[in-house]
């Protein structure tokens, strides 16, 4: 049996993409930060990278790195980027993007600590919507709960639920569930 062509998305990839598009669309105008829990970081990164490449004027994707000199890589304005810090230059490039997608938040939290929380605080007051993938949103929500922050859980590891089911899951905020 032939191996699947890696350039052709699998049905599960397409279903996940539809679900994530729907969740991001539902969050716009209601939240500034949306944390997606229980979603494999690689699956999130694949969707985020593709979205940033297809919509360079509207979507930025960054992957936060946990080690080495560089801290940030990703796709911004359709171009591959690498950076050394969560600095003013990065903030300037992200400013005005309606949607910023962030992968590897958990690893970055261990590496960047308070700097990451300060940067997320900036994002919550400045960007229209940031969607970030994490195994556990609790540490972030504790710090950022005074902002319009939401958490959505990806409960089906095989991504076989429909977009409506995913979007219909309860979004919890610190204000509603301290």
C-alpha atoms as a PDB file:
ATOM      1  CA  UNK A   1       0.000   0.000   0.000  1.00  0.00           C
ATOM      2  CA  UNK A   2       1.359   3.420  -0.963  1.00  0.00           C
ATOM      3  CA  UNK A   3       2.115   6.036   1.698  1.00  0.00           C
ATOM      4  CA  UNK A   4      -0.146   9.099   1.595  1.00  0.00           C
ATOM      5  CA  UNK A   5       1.150  12.103  -0.322  1.00  0.00           C
ATOM      6  CA  UNK A   6       2.248  14.639   2.365  1.00  0.00           C
ATOM      7  CA  UNK A   7       1.139  17.518   0.100  1.00  0.00           C
ATOM      8  CA  UNK A   8      -2.458  16.306   0.167  1.00  0.00           C
ATOM      9  CA  UNK A   9      -4.265  17.065   3.429  1.00  0.00           C
ATOM     10  CA  UNK A  10      -5.894  14.123   5.154  1.00  0.00           C
ATOM     11  CA  UNK A  11      -9.608  14.211   5.890  1.00  0.00           C
ATOM     12  CA  UNK A  12      -8.805  14.662   9.595  1.00  0.00           C
ATOM     13  CA  UNK A  13      -6.582  17.678   8.739  1.00  0.00           C
ATOM     14  CA  UNK A  14      -9.417  19.255   6.758  1.00  0.00           C
ATOM     15  CA  UNK A  15     -11.932  18.581   9.524  1.00  0.00           C
ATOM     16  CA  UNK A  16      -9.587  20.142  12.079  1.00  0.00           C
ATOM     17  CA  UNK A  17      -9.010  23.152   9.848  1.00  0.00           C
ATOM     18  CA  UNK A  18     -12.735  23.748   9.499  1.00  0.00           C
ATOM     19  CA  UNK A  19     -13.191  23.396  13.258  1.00  0.00           C
ATOM     20  CA  UNK A  20     -10.392  25.809  14.089  1.00  0.00           C
ATOM     21  CA  UNK A  21     -11.586  28.336  11.504  1.00  0.00           C
ATOM     22  CA  UNK A  22     -15.020  28.198  13.076  1.00  0.00           C
ATOM     23  CA  UNK A  23     -13.738  28.588  16.645  1.00  0.00           C
ATOM     24  CA  UNK A  24     -11.580  31.588  15.662  1.00  0.00           C
ATOM     25  CA  UNK A  25     -14.489  33.197  13.810  1.00  0.00           C
ATOM     26  CA  UNK A  26     -16.804  32.711  16.807  1.00  0.00           C
ATOM     27  CA  UNK A  27     -14.253  34.280  19.172  1.00  0.00           C
ATOM     28  CA  UNK A  28     -13.809  37.479  17.136  1.00  0.00           C
ATOM     29  CA  UNK A  29     -15.462  40.439  18.737  1.00  0.00           C
ATOM     30  CA  UNK A  30     -16.011  38.551  22.006  1.00  0.00           C
ATOM     31  CA  UNK A  31     -12.481  37.752  23.178  1.00  0.00           C
ATOM     32  CA  UNK A  32      -8.964  39.083  22.762  1.00  0.00           C
ATOM     33  CA  UNK A  33      -7.214  35.868  23.773  1.00  0.00           C
ATOM     34  CA  UNK A  34      -8.456  32.370  23.055  1.00  0.00           C
ATOM     35  CA  UNK A  35      -6.525  29.421  24.444  1.00  0.00           C
ATOM     36  CA  UNK A  36      -7.109  26.068  22.775  1.00  0.00           C
ATOM     37  CA  UNK A  37      -6.426  23.165  25.122  1.00  0.00           C
ATOM     38  CA  UNK A  38      -5.678  19.520  24.323  1.00  0.00           C
ATOM     39  CA  UNK A  39      -4.787  20.159  20.688  1.00  0.00           C
ATOM     40  CA  UNK A  40      -1.449  18.693  19.569  1.00  0.00           C
ATOM     41  CA  UNK A  41       0.926  21.598  18.976  1.00  0.00           C
ATOM     42  CA  UNK A  42       2.030  20.234  15.594  1.00  0.00           C
ATOM     43  CA  UNK A  43      -1.567  20.042  14.364  1.00  0.00           C
ATOM     44  CA  UNK A  44      -2.215  23.608  15.500  1.00  0.00           C
ATOM     45  CA  UNK A  45       1.046  24.816  13.915  1.00  0.00           C
ATOM     46  CA  UNK A  46       0.191  23.194  10.572  1.00  0.00           C
ATOM     47  CA  UNK A  47      -3.185  24.951  10.472  1.00  0.00           C
ATOM     48  CA  UNK A  48      -1.745  28.261  11.690  1.00  0.00           C
ATOM     49  CA  UNK A  49       1.108  28.288   9.168  1.00  0.00           C
ATOM     50  CA  UNK A  50      -1.239  27.513   6.275  1.00  0.00           C
ATOM     51  CA  UNK A  51      -3.684  30.205   7.385  1.00  0.00           C
ATOM     52  CA  UNK A  52      -0.914  32.829   7.663  1.00  0.00           C
ATOM     53  CA  UNK A  53       0.381  31.968   4.202  1.00  0.00           C
ATOM     54  CA  UNK A  54      -3.091  32.053   2.629  1.00  0.00           C
ATOM     55  CA  UNK A  55      -4.173  35.272   4.387  1.00  0.00           C
ATOM     56  CA  UNK A  56      -0.973  37.335   4.748  1.00  0.00           C
ATOM     57  CA  UNK A  57      -2.787  40.656   5.267  1.00  0.00           C
ATOM     58  CA  UNK A  58      -4.962  39.349   8.079  1.00  0.00           C
ATOM     59  CA  UNK A  59      -3.222  36.475   9.848  1.00  0.00           C
ATOM     60  CA  UNK A  60       0.173  36.162  11.514  1.00  0.00           C
ATOM     61  CA  UNK A  61       1.562  32.896  12.852  1.00  0.00           C
ATOM     62  CA  UNK A  62       4.354  32.692  15.381  1.00  0.00           C
ATOM     63  CA  UNK A  63       5.922  29.712  17.067  1.00  0.00           C
ATOM     64  CA  UNK A  64       7.586  30.466  20.358  1.00  0.00           C
ATOM     65  CA  UNK A  65      10.827  28.568  20.780  1.00  0.00           C
ATOM     66  CA  UNK A  66      11.977  27.197  24.105  1.00  0.00           C
ATOM     67  CA  UNK A  67      15.725  27.191  23.671  1.00  0.00           C
ATOM     68  CA  UNK A  68      18.585  28.638  21.719  1.00  0.00           C
ATOM     69  CA  UNK A  69      19.194  32.240  20.731  1.00  0.00           C
ATOM     70  CA  UNK A  70      15.996  32.732  18.756  1.00  0.00           C
ATOM     71  CA  UNK A  71      12.691  33.027  20.551  1.00  0.00           C
ATOM     72  CA  UNK A  72      10.237  33.432  17.678  1.00  0.00           C
ATOM     73  CA  UNK A  73       9.755  31.869  14.260  1.00  0.00           C
ATOM     74  CA  UNK A  74       6.738  31.858  11.997  1.00  0.00           C
ATOM     75  CA  UNK A  75       4.972  33.534   9.105  1.00  0.00           C
ATOM     76  CA  UNK A  76       4.116  37.236   9.215  1.00  0.00           C
ATOM     77  CA  UNK A  77       2.882  39.175   6.163  1.00  0.00           C
ATOM     78  CA  UNK A  78       3.349  35.927   4.259  1.00  0.00           C
ATOM     79  CA  UNK A  79       7.090  35.819   4.949  1.00  0.00           C
ATOM     80  CA  UNK A  80       9.112  33.401   7.073  1.00  0.00           C
ATOM     81  CA  UNK A  81      10.452  35.197  10.141  1.00  0.00           C
ATOM     82  CA  UNK A  82      12.874  34.484  12.971  1.00  0.00           C
ATOM     83  CA  UNK A  83      13.461  36.717  15.956  1.00  0.00           C
ATOM     84  CA  UNK A  84      15.411  36.918  19.157  1.00  0.00           C
ATOM     85  CA  UNK A  85      12.819  38.351  21.495  1.00  0.00           C
ATOM     86  CA  UNK A  86       9.251  39.360  22.210  1.00  0.00           C
ATOM     87  CA  UNK A  87      10.282  42.937  21.510  1.00  0.00           C
ATOM     88  CA  UNK A  88       8.934  46.174  20.090  1.00  0.00           C
ATOM     89  CA  UNK A  89       9.818  45.131  16.544  1.00  0.00           C
ATOM     90  CA  UNK A  90       7.673  42.013  16.821  1.00  0.00           C
ATOM     91  CA  UNK A  91       4.845  43.961  18.430  1.00  0.00           C
ATOM     92  CA  UNK A  92       4.981  46.553  15.628  1.00  0.00           C
ATOM     93  CA  UNK A  93       4.726  43.890  12.931  1.00  0.00           C
ATOM     94  CA  UNK A  94       1.822  42.161  14.687  1.00  0.00           C
ATOM     95  CA  UNK A  95      -0.059  45.399  15.403  1.00  0.00           C
ATOM     96  CA  UNK A  96      -3.096  45.682  13.157  1.00  0.00           C
ATOM     97  CA  UNK A  97      -3.311  41.971  12.352  1.00  0.00           C
ATOM     98  CA  UNK A  98      -6.889  40.864  13.005  1.00  0.00           C
ATOM     99  CA  UNK A  99      -5.710  37.372  13.968  1.00  0.00           C
ATOM    100  CA  UNK A 100      -2.423  36.237  15.531  1.00  0.00           C
ATOM    101  CA  UNK A 101      -1.902  32.494  15.997  1.00  0.00           C
ATOM    102  CA  UNK A 102       0.656  31.308  18.569  1.00  0.00           C
ATOM    103  CA  UNK A 103       2.072  27.797  18.904  1.00  0.00           C
ATOM    104  CA  UNK A 104       4.349  26.267  21.576  1.00  0.00           C
ATOM    105  CA  UNK A 105       3.064  28.431  24.411  1.00  0.00           C
ATOM    106  CA  UNK A 106       3.821  25.830  27.106  1.00  0.00           C
ATOM    107  CA  UNK A 107       7.483  25.409  26.216  1.00  0.00           C
ATOM    108  CA  UNK A 108       7.896  29.169  25.932  1.00  0.00           C
ATOM    109  CA  UNK A 109       6.348  29.728  29.362  1.00  0.00           C
ATOM    110  CA  UNK A 110       9.080  27.648  30.961  1.00  0.00           C
ATOM    111  CA  UNK A 111      11.786  29.449  28.983  1.00  0.00           C
ATOM    112  CA  UNK A 112      10.475  33.031  28.985  1.00  0.00           C
ATOM    113  CA  UNK A 113       8.505  33.144  32.232  1.00  0.00           C
ATOM    114  CA  UNK A 114       7.283  36.609  33.158  1.00  0.00           C
ATOM    115  CA  UNK A 115       8.324  38.128  29.806  1.00  0.00           C
ATOM    116  CA  UNK A 116       5.830  35.871  28.054  1.00  0.00           C
ATOM    117  CA  UNK A 117       3.028  36.844  30.429  1.00  0.00           C
ATOM    118  CA  UNK A 118       3.811  40.530  29.907  1.00  0.00           C
ATOM    119  CA  UNK A 119       3.739  40.043  26.149  1.00  0.00           C
ATOM    120  CA  UNK A 120       0.411  38.201  26.347  1.00  0.00           C
ATOM    121  CA  UNK A 121      -0.898  41.059  28.474  1.00  0.00           C
ATOM    122  CA  UNK A 122       0.141  43.461  25.694  1.00  0.00           C
ATOM    123  CA  UNK A 123      -1.586  41.252  23.120  1.00  0.00           C
ATOM    124  CA  UNK A 124      -4.790  41.189  25.162  1.00  0.00           C
ATOM    125  CA  UNK A 125      -4.937  44.980  25.230  1.00  0.00           C
ATOM    126  CA  UNK A 126      -3.725  45.653  21.683  1.00  0.00           C
ATOM    127  CA  UNK A 127      -4.558  42.862  19.238  1.00  0.00           C
ATOM    128  CA  UNK A 128      -8.107  42.098  18.088  1.00  0.00           C
ATOM    129  CA  UNK A 129      -7.680  38.325  18.585  1.00  0.00           C
ATOM    130  CA  UNK A 130      -4.835  36.007  19.500  1.00  0.00           C
ATOM    131  CA  UNK A 131      -5.423  32.252  19.442  1.00  0.00           C
ATOM    132  CA  UNK A 132      -2.815  30.145  21.231  1.00  0.00           C
ATOM    133  CA  UNK A 133      -2.394  26.413  21.674  1.00  0.00           C
ATOM    134  CA  UNK A 134      -1.662  25.100  25.175  1.00  0.00           C
ATOM    135  CA  UNK A 135      -2.015  21.891  27.142  1.00  0.00           C
ATOM    136  CA  UNK A 136      -3.318  23.836  30.152  1.00  0.00           C
ATOM    137  CA  UNK A 137      -4.613  27.407  30.016  1.00  0.00           C
ATOM    138  CA  UNK A 138      -4.922  27.789  33.790  1.00  0.00           C
ATOM    139  CA  UNK A 139      -1.578  29.571  34.410  1.00  0.00           C
ATOM    140  CA  UNK A 140      -2.302  32.022  31.609  1.00  0.00           C
ATOM    141  CA  UNK A 141      -5.921  32.641  32.555  1.00  0.00           C
ATOM    142  CA  UNK A 142      -4.909  33.298  36.175  1.00  0.00           C
ATOM    143  CA  UNK A 143      -2.618  36.071  35.025  1.00  0.00           C
ATOM    144  CA  UNK A 144      -4.772  37.433  32.198  1.00  0.00           C
ATOM    145  CA  UNK A 145      -8.288  36.859  33.531  1.00  0.00           C
ATOM    146  CA  UNK A 146      -9.006  40.586  33.743  1.00  0.00           C
ATOM    147  CA  UNK A 147      -8.985  40.646  29.923  1.00  0.00           C
ATOM    148  CA  UNK A 148     -11.580  39.068  27.600  1.00  0.00           C
ATOM    149  CA  UNK A 149      -9.928  35.637  27.743  1.00  0.00           C
ATOM    150  CA  UNK A 150     -11.544  32.358  26.723  1.00  0.00           C
ATOM    151  CA  UNK A 151     -10.595  28.701  26.791  1.00  0.00           C
ATOM    152  CA  UNK A 152     -11.882  26.042  24.425  1.00  0.00           C
ATOM    153  CA  UNK A 153     -10.972  22.394  24.738  1.00  0.00           C
ATOM    154  CA  UNK A 154     -10.385  20.093  21.810  1.00  0.00           C
ATOM    155  CA  UNK A 155     -11.830  16.971  23.383  1.00  0.00           C
ATOM    156  CA  UNK A 156     -11.779  14.617  20.410  1.00  0.00           C
ATOM    157  CA  UNK A 157      -8.201  13.586  19.702  1.00  0.00           C
ATOM    158  CA  UNK A 158      -9.169  12.268  16.294  1.00  0.00           C
ATOM    159  CA  UNK A 159     -10.858  15.564  15.347  1.00  0.00           C
ATOM    160  CA  UNK A 160     -13.962  13.755  14.141  1.00  0.00           C
ATOM    161  CA  UNK A 161     -16.456  16.152  15.711  1.00  0.00           C
ATOM    162  CA  UNK A 162     -18.182  18.678  13.538  1.00  0.00           C
ATOM    163  CA  UNK A 163     -17.353  22.366  13.628  1.00  0.00           C
ATOM    164  CA  UNK A 164     -20.715  23.082  15.194  1.00  0.00           C
ATOM    165  CA  UNK A 165     -20.035  20.619  18.014  1.00  0.00           C
ATOM    166  CA  UNK A 166     -16.641  22.143  18.691  1.00  0.00           C
ATOM    167  CA  UNK A 167     -17.902  25.709  18.597  1.00  0.00           C
ATOM    168  CA  UNK A 168     -20.827  24.748  20.798  1.00  0.00           C
ATOM    169  CA  UNK A 169     -18.611  23.513  23.637  1.00  0.00           C
ATOM    170  CA  UNK A 170     -18.603  25.714  26.674  1.00  0.00           C
ATOM    171  CA  UNK A 171     -16.019  28.487  26.560  1.00  0.00           C
ATOM    172  CA  UNK A 172     -14.889  29.206  30.074  1.00  0.00           C
ATOM    173  CA  UNK A 173     -13.555  32.547  31.242  1.00  0.00           C
ATOM    174  CA  UNK A 174     -12.095  33.391  34.603  1.00  0.00           C
ATOM    175  CA  UNK A 175     -14.928  35.850  35.197  1.00  0.00           C
ATOM    176  CA  UNK A 176     -17.527  33.122  34.807  1.00  0.00           C
ATOM    177  CA  UNK A 177     -15.564  30.388  36.565  1.00  0.00           C
ATOM    178  CA  UNK A 178     -12.945  31.866  38.942  1.00  0.00           C
END
